[in-house]
Protein backbone atom coordinates (compact mmCIF):
# COMPACT_ATOMS: atom_id res chain seq x y z
CA MET A 1 -94.26 -19.81 -62.00
CA LYS A 2 -91.58 -22.42 -62.57
CA GLY A 3 -88.85 -19.71 -62.35
CA PHE A 4 -90.13 -18.52 -59.01
CA ARG A 5 -90.07 -22.00 -57.58
CA LYS A 6 -86.55 -22.52 -58.88
CA PHE A 7 -85.34 -19.31 -57.18
CA LEU A 8 -87.08 -20.24 -53.93
CA GLY A 9 -85.40 -23.65 -53.95
CA TYR A 10 -81.99 -22.06 -54.49
CA PHE A 11 -82.60 -19.60 -51.62
CA GLN A 12 -83.59 -22.43 -49.27
CA PHE A 13 -80.41 -24.33 -50.16
CA VAL A 14 -78.20 -21.35 -49.37
CA ALA A 15 -80.02 -20.64 -46.11
CA ILE A 16 -79.72 -24.24 -44.98
CA SER A 17 -75.99 -24.27 -45.86
CA LEU A 18 -75.31 -21.09 -43.86
CA LEU A 19 -77.28 -22.37 -40.92
CA THR A 20 -75.43 -25.69 -41.02
CA THR A 21 -72.05 -23.91 -41.12
CA ALA A 22 -73.02 -21.69 -38.19
CA VAL A 23 -74.06 -24.71 -36.15
CA VAL A 24 -70.76 -26.54 -36.94
CA VAL A 25 -68.67 -23.51 -35.92
CA TRP A 26 -70.64 -23.09 -32.69
CA LEU A 27 -70.21 -26.73 -31.80
CA ALA A 28 -66.46 -26.63 -32.56
CA ALA A 29 -65.99 -23.55 -30.34
CA LYS A 30 -67.96 -25.20 -27.61
CA LEU A 31 -65.75 -28.26 -27.80
CA GLN A 32 -62.55 -25.97 -27.94
CA LEU A 33 -61.53 -27.34 -31.29
CA VAL A 34 -60.71 -23.79 -32.44
CA PRO A 35 -59.50 -20.81 -30.36
CA SER A 36 -62.32 -18.65 -29.06
CA ASP A 37 -59.94 -15.68 -28.42
CA PRO A 38 -57.25 -14.17 -30.59
CA PRO A 39 -53.62 -15.24 -29.76
CA LEU A 40 -51.65 -13.08 -27.31
CA SER A 41 -49.25 -10.59 -28.79
CA GLN A 42 -45.48 -11.29 -28.47
CA ASN A 43 -45.15 -8.02 -26.56
CA SER A 44 -47.83 -8.90 -24.04
CA PRO A 45 -46.53 -8.78 -20.42
CA SER A 46 -47.98 -12.23 -19.72
CA SER A 47 -46.09 -13.79 -22.61
CA PRO A 48 -42.35 -14.52 -22.05
CA THR A 49 -40.11 -13.41 -24.86
CA VAL A 50 -38.29 -16.25 -26.51
CA SER A 51 -35.49 -15.46 -28.89
CA THR A 52 -35.23 -17.73 -31.89
CA PRO A 53 -32.37 -17.89 -34.32
CA ALA A 54 -32.95 -15.88 -37.43
CA PRO A 55 -32.98 -17.70 -40.73
CA SER A 56 -29.94 -17.29 -42.91
CA GLY A 57 -30.06 -14.02 -44.77
CA ASP A 58 -32.67 -12.56 -42.42
CA ASP A 59 -32.37 -8.88 -41.54
CA ARG A 60 -31.74 -9.06 -37.79
CA SER A 61 -31.99 -5.30 -37.37
CA SER A 62 -35.68 -5.46 -38.21
CA ARG A 63 -36.42 -8.13 -35.60
CA PRO A 64 -37.33 -7.26 -32.00
CA VAL A 65 -34.42 -7.86 -29.64
CA SER A 66 -35.14 -9.42 -26.27
CA PRO A 67 -33.73 -7.36 -23.38
CA GLN A 68 -30.78 -9.05 -21.61
CA PRO A 69 -31.21 -9.58 -17.87
CA ASP A 70 -28.82 -8.00 -15.34
CA LEU A 71 -26.61 -10.96 -14.53
CA TYR A 72 -25.60 -9.51 -11.15
CA GLU A 73 -28.81 -8.07 -9.75
CA ASN A 74 -29.69 -11.23 -7.84
CA LEU A 75 -26.21 -12.08 -6.61
CA PRO A 76 -25.19 -11.28 -3.02
CA SER A 77 -22.95 -8.27 -2.58
CA LEU A 78 -19.27 -9.03 -2.34
CA PRO A 79 -17.83 -8.37 1.13
CA GLN A 80 -15.80 -5.19 1.45
CA GLN A 81 -12.11 -5.94 1.65
CA SER A 82 -10.32 -4.49 4.64
CA SER A 83 -7.32 -2.21 4.20
CA PRO A 84 -4.17 -4.20 3.49
CA GLN A 85 -1.94 -4.67 6.49
CA PRO A 86 1.68 -3.57 6.26
CA VAL A 87 3.96 -6.37 5.19
CA VAL A 88 6.68 -7.18 7.68
CA PRO A 89 9.82 -8.67 6.05
CA THR A 90 10.11 -12.25 7.23
CA THR A 91 13.88 -12.07 7.20
CA VAL A 92 13.90 -9.03 9.52
CA PRO A 93 11.37 -9.52 12.33
CA ARG A 94 9.98 -6.70 14.40
CA VAL A 95 11.92 -5.82 17.52
CA ALA A 96 9.64 -7.80 19.83
CA THR A 97 10.61 -11.09 18.16
CA ALA A 98 13.93 -10.12 16.60
CA PRO A 99 16.99 -12.30 17.14
CA LYS A 100 19.56 -10.80 19.49
CA ASN A 101 22.02 -10.22 16.68
CA PHE A 102 21.72 -9.69 12.93
CA HIS A 103 25.21 -9.65 11.40
CA GLY A 104 26.48 -7.63 14.34
CA HIS A 105 23.49 -5.32 14.66
CA LEU A 106 21.34 -5.37 17.78
CA PRO A 107 17.55 -4.83 17.94
CA TYR A 108 16.14 -1.43 18.95
CA ALA A 109 12.60 -0.13 19.40
CA GLU A 110 11.33 3.13 17.92
CA ASP A 111 11.27 6.19 20.15
CA GLU A 112 7.94 7.85 20.91
CA GLY A 113 7.08 10.58 18.43
CA SER A 114 6.05 12.93 21.22
CA ARG A 115 9.61 12.88 22.58
CA LEU A 116 11.32 13.98 19.37
CA VAL A 117 12.80 17.47 19.16
CA SER A 118 14.41 19.24 16.19
CA VAL A 119 18.19 19.62 16.42
CA GLY A 120 18.64 21.68 13.28
CA GLU A 121 18.90 21.12 9.55
CA PHE A 122 21.06 19.01 7.31
CA VAL A 123 22.00 21.41 4.50
CA ARG A 124 23.64 20.64 1.18
CA GLY A 125 23.30 23.31 -1.50
CA THR A 126 19.61 24.06 -1.89
CA TYR A 127 18.59 20.85 -0.09
CA ARG A 128 17.42 21.18 3.52
CA ARG A 129 16.03 18.59 5.90
CA GLN A 130 15.08 18.86 9.58
CA GLU A 131 16.64 16.28 11.89
CA TYR A 132 15.30 15.11 15.25
CA LEU A 133 16.54 13.48 18.46
CA ASP A 134 14.93 12.38 21.68
CA GLN A 135 14.41 15.37 23.96
CA GLU A 136 17.17 14.18 26.32
CA ALA A 137 19.74 13.80 23.56
CA ALA A 138 18.59 16.99 21.81
CA THR A 139 19.54 19.20 24.74
CA ALA A 140 23.03 17.71 24.96
CA PHE A 141 23.55 17.84 21.19
CA ASN A 142 22.66 21.52 21.01
CA GLN A 143 25.23 22.16 23.75
CA LEU A 144 27.80 20.18 21.76
CA LEU A 145 27.07 22.25 18.62
CA ALA A 146 27.45 25.48 20.56
CA ALA A 147 30.83 24.37 21.89
CA ALA A 148 31.95 23.36 18.39
CA THR A 149 30.95 26.78 17.05
CA LYS A 150 33.19 28.42 19.66
CA ALA A 151 35.99 26.20 18.34
CA ASN A 152 35.37 27.59 14.83
CA LEU A 153 33.82 24.36 13.59
CA THR A 154 30.65 24.05 11.49
CA LEU A 155 29.18 20.76 12.67
CA GLN A 156 25.70 19.76 11.53
CA PRO A 157 23.42 16.73 11.85
CA ILE A 158 23.16 14.42 8.86
CA SER A 159 20.65 11.94 10.24
CA GLY A 160 19.04 11.64 13.66
CA PHE A 161 15.91 9.66 14.44
CA ARG A 162 14.75 7.14 11.81
CA SER A 163 11.59 5.06 11.90
CA VAL A 164 11.60 1.37 11.05
CA ASP A 165 9.87 2.25 7.76
CA ASP A 166 12.57 4.79 6.89
CA GLN A 167 15.26 2.23 7.68
CA THR A 168 13.52 -0.38 5.55
CA GLU A 169 13.68 1.90 2.50
CA LEU A 170 17.31 2.78 3.14
CA PHE A 171 18.36 -0.83 3.75
CA GLU A 172 16.62 -2.17 0.65
CA LYS A 173 18.57 0.32 -1.45
CA GLN A 174 21.76 -1.05 0.05
CA VAL A 175 20.66 -4.61 -0.71
CA GLN A 176 20.07 -3.67 -4.34
CA LYS A 177 23.45 -1.96 -4.47
CA TYR A 178 25.51 -4.73 -2.84
CA GLY A 179 23.53 -7.79 -3.87
CA SER A 180 22.55 -9.39 -0.56
CA ARG A 181 21.24 -8.60 2.90
CA GLU A 182 24.45 -9.88 4.45
CA ALA A 183 26.61 -7.57 2.35
CA ALA A 184 24.29 -4.62 2.99
CA ALA A 185 24.36 -5.28 6.75
CA LYS A 186 28.09 -4.63 6.81
CA LEU A 187 27.40 -0.99 5.96
CA SER A 188 23.83 -0.35 7.09
CA ALA A 189 21.63 -1.69 9.88
CA PRO A 190 18.55 -3.70 8.84
CA PRO A 191 15.15 -2.27 9.84
CA GLY A 192 14.54 -2.89 13.53
CA TYR A 193 18.28 -2.96 14.24
CA SER A 194 19.33 0.66 13.85
CA GLU A 195 20.45 2.82 16.77
CA HIS A 196 18.70 5.66 14.96
CA HIS A 197 15.33 4.14 15.99
CA THR A 198 16.03 5.10 19.60
CA GLY A 199 16.29 8.85 19.02
CA TYR A 200 19.64 8.81 20.82
CA ALA A 201 21.97 8.27 17.83
CA ILE A 202 23.06 10.80 15.24
CA ASP A 203 25.33 11.04 12.19
CA ILE A 204 27.43 14.22 12.19
CA SER A 205 29.27 16.08 9.43
CA ASP A 206 31.23 19.24 8.84
CA ARG A 207 29.09 21.64 6.81
CA ASP A 208 32.22 22.97 5.10
CA GLN A 209 33.37 19.53 3.88
CA PRO A 210 30.47 17.86 2.08
CA GLU A 211 32.79 15.45 0.27
CA LYS A 212 33.50 13.76 3.63
CA ASP A 213 29.84 13.05 4.51
CA LEU A 214 29.34 9.46 5.72
CA LYS A 215 32.80 8.44 4.54
CA LEU A 216 35.84 7.06 6.31
CA ALA A 217 37.63 10.21 5.17
CA PHE A 218 35.72 12.04 7.91
CA GLU A 219 38.24 10.49 10.32
CA LYS A 220 40.93 12.78 8.88
CA THR A 221 39.02 16.00 9.56
CA THR A 222 39.48 18.52 12.34
CA ALA A 223 35.79 18.00 13.13
CA TYR A 224 36.32 14.32 13.92
CA ARG A 225 39.40 15.01 16.04
CA TRP A 226 37.46 17.62 18.02
CA LEU A 227 34.56 15.22 18.54
CA SER A 228 36.90 12.47 19.70
CA ALA A 229 38.34 14.83 22.30
CA ASN A 230 35.18 16.66 23.39
CA ALA A 231 31.99 14.67 22.63
CA GLY A 232 32.33 12.76 25.89
CA ASN A 233 31.88 16.02 27.79
CA TYR A 234 28.29 16.04 26.46
CA ASP A 235 27.75 12.31 27.02
CA PHE A 236 28.18 11.30 23.37
CA GLU A 237 30.37 8.37 22.36
CA LEU A 238 31.35 6.78 19.06
CA SER A 239 29.02 3.85 18.38
CA PHE A 240 31.25 1.87 16.05
CA PRO A 241 34.94 2.56 16.61
CA PRO A 242 37.58 0.52 14.79
CA ASN A 243 37.55 -3.17 15.74
CA ASN A 244 34.35 -2.83 17.79
CA THR A 245 33.00 -5.94 19.48
CA GLN A 246 29.86 -5.98 17.35
CA GLY A 247 31.88 -6.42 14.20
CA VAL A 248 30.21 -3.45 12.50
CA SER A 249 32.30 -1.37 10.10
CA PHE A 250 34.03 1.68 11.56
CA GLU A 251 31.78 4.76 11.31
CA PRO A 252 33.54 7.95 12.42
CA TRP A 253 30.38 9.99 11.81
CA HIS A 254 27.98 7.91 13.99
CA TRP A 255 27.60 8.94 17.64
CA ARG A 256 25.17 7.95 20.40
CA TYR A 257 24.01 9.68 23.57
CA ILE A 258 24.32 7.77 26.89
CA GLY A 259 23.91 10.61 29.40
CA THR A 260 20.63 9.56 31.08
CA GLN A 261 19.36 6.31 32.51
CA ARG A 262 16.79 5.99 29.75
CA ALA A 263 19.49 6.45 27.12
CA ALA A 264 21.99 4.15 28.79
CA VAL A 265 19.44 1.33 28.96
CA GLN A 266 18.99 1.52 25.20
CA PHE A 267 22.64 0.66 24.58
CA ALA A 268 23.38 -1.60 27.54
CA SER A 269 23.86 -4.66 25.36
CA ALA A 270 25.98 -2.83 22.79
CA ARG A 271 28.26 -1.33 25.44
CA SER A 272 28.77 -4.64 27.24
C-alpha cells in the first residue's frame, strides 16, 4: 500500500510539472516573448537578400550568391546622336563667305550636277576615268577634239569638273607634299577656289605623250602649239598664261570655256 501511494505521488508531481510548463509557454507566446511562427526562409520573396562577407577560409562556392541588379534598367535612354556634319576647313571658307582672293585664286561655286556631260575618258595604260564638263562647254570641247583629230593630234581630257570635296582631297595632298597651304596654293587651287568647280575648265593632254601630263614640258608639244592657235575658235582660252595677273603659276594644260554668257560670268573677275 505504501508503494502505491509513493507511485501516485510521483505521478502527481510529473503531471503538475508538465501542466506548469505548458501554462508558462502559453503565457510567453501570448506576451510575444518567443516567436509564434517559424522564421522566414532566406529565399522567401518577402525577405530581401543581404550579402554578408564570408569568414576567412569559407567555401564561397557553396554559399548562395545574390543576383546583381541591372545598373542601367532604370536610367533614361541616351538621346540618339545625329549624323555628323561635314567639317568645313576654317582656313578655306565656302564660296559664299570666301575672301575674294586666296594666294591668287578666286572663289568659284560648284556647277549643278544635272548640267554635267561626259567629254570622254582620260586613259593611261589600263587606267580609265570619265571626265565631265558643263553642257555648254562640253559641246564646244567635242568640236575642238574633232578638229584636233583632223590635224592628226590625239588630245584627251585629263580633268574636267571637280567638286569641292574632290578639290579638298587633292589640295591636302599638295599641302603634305610641299609643307604649307601657301606653298601648295602656288601649284593647286584650294577647295572653293578652283575653276574646275564651274564645269567650264579642263586640263588637256596629248594621249601619245604621257610624260608631259600636267607639266611645263607640255608647252613644247605640237598639241600645245595647236591649242594656242586654234582653241579660241571654240571659245577656249588659257586660264593661267605666263605672268598672269592673278600670280598663279603658268599652266599650259589648263583651259577654260568663255563662249556663253553663263560661262563668261563665271570668269569675269579673273579676266578683268
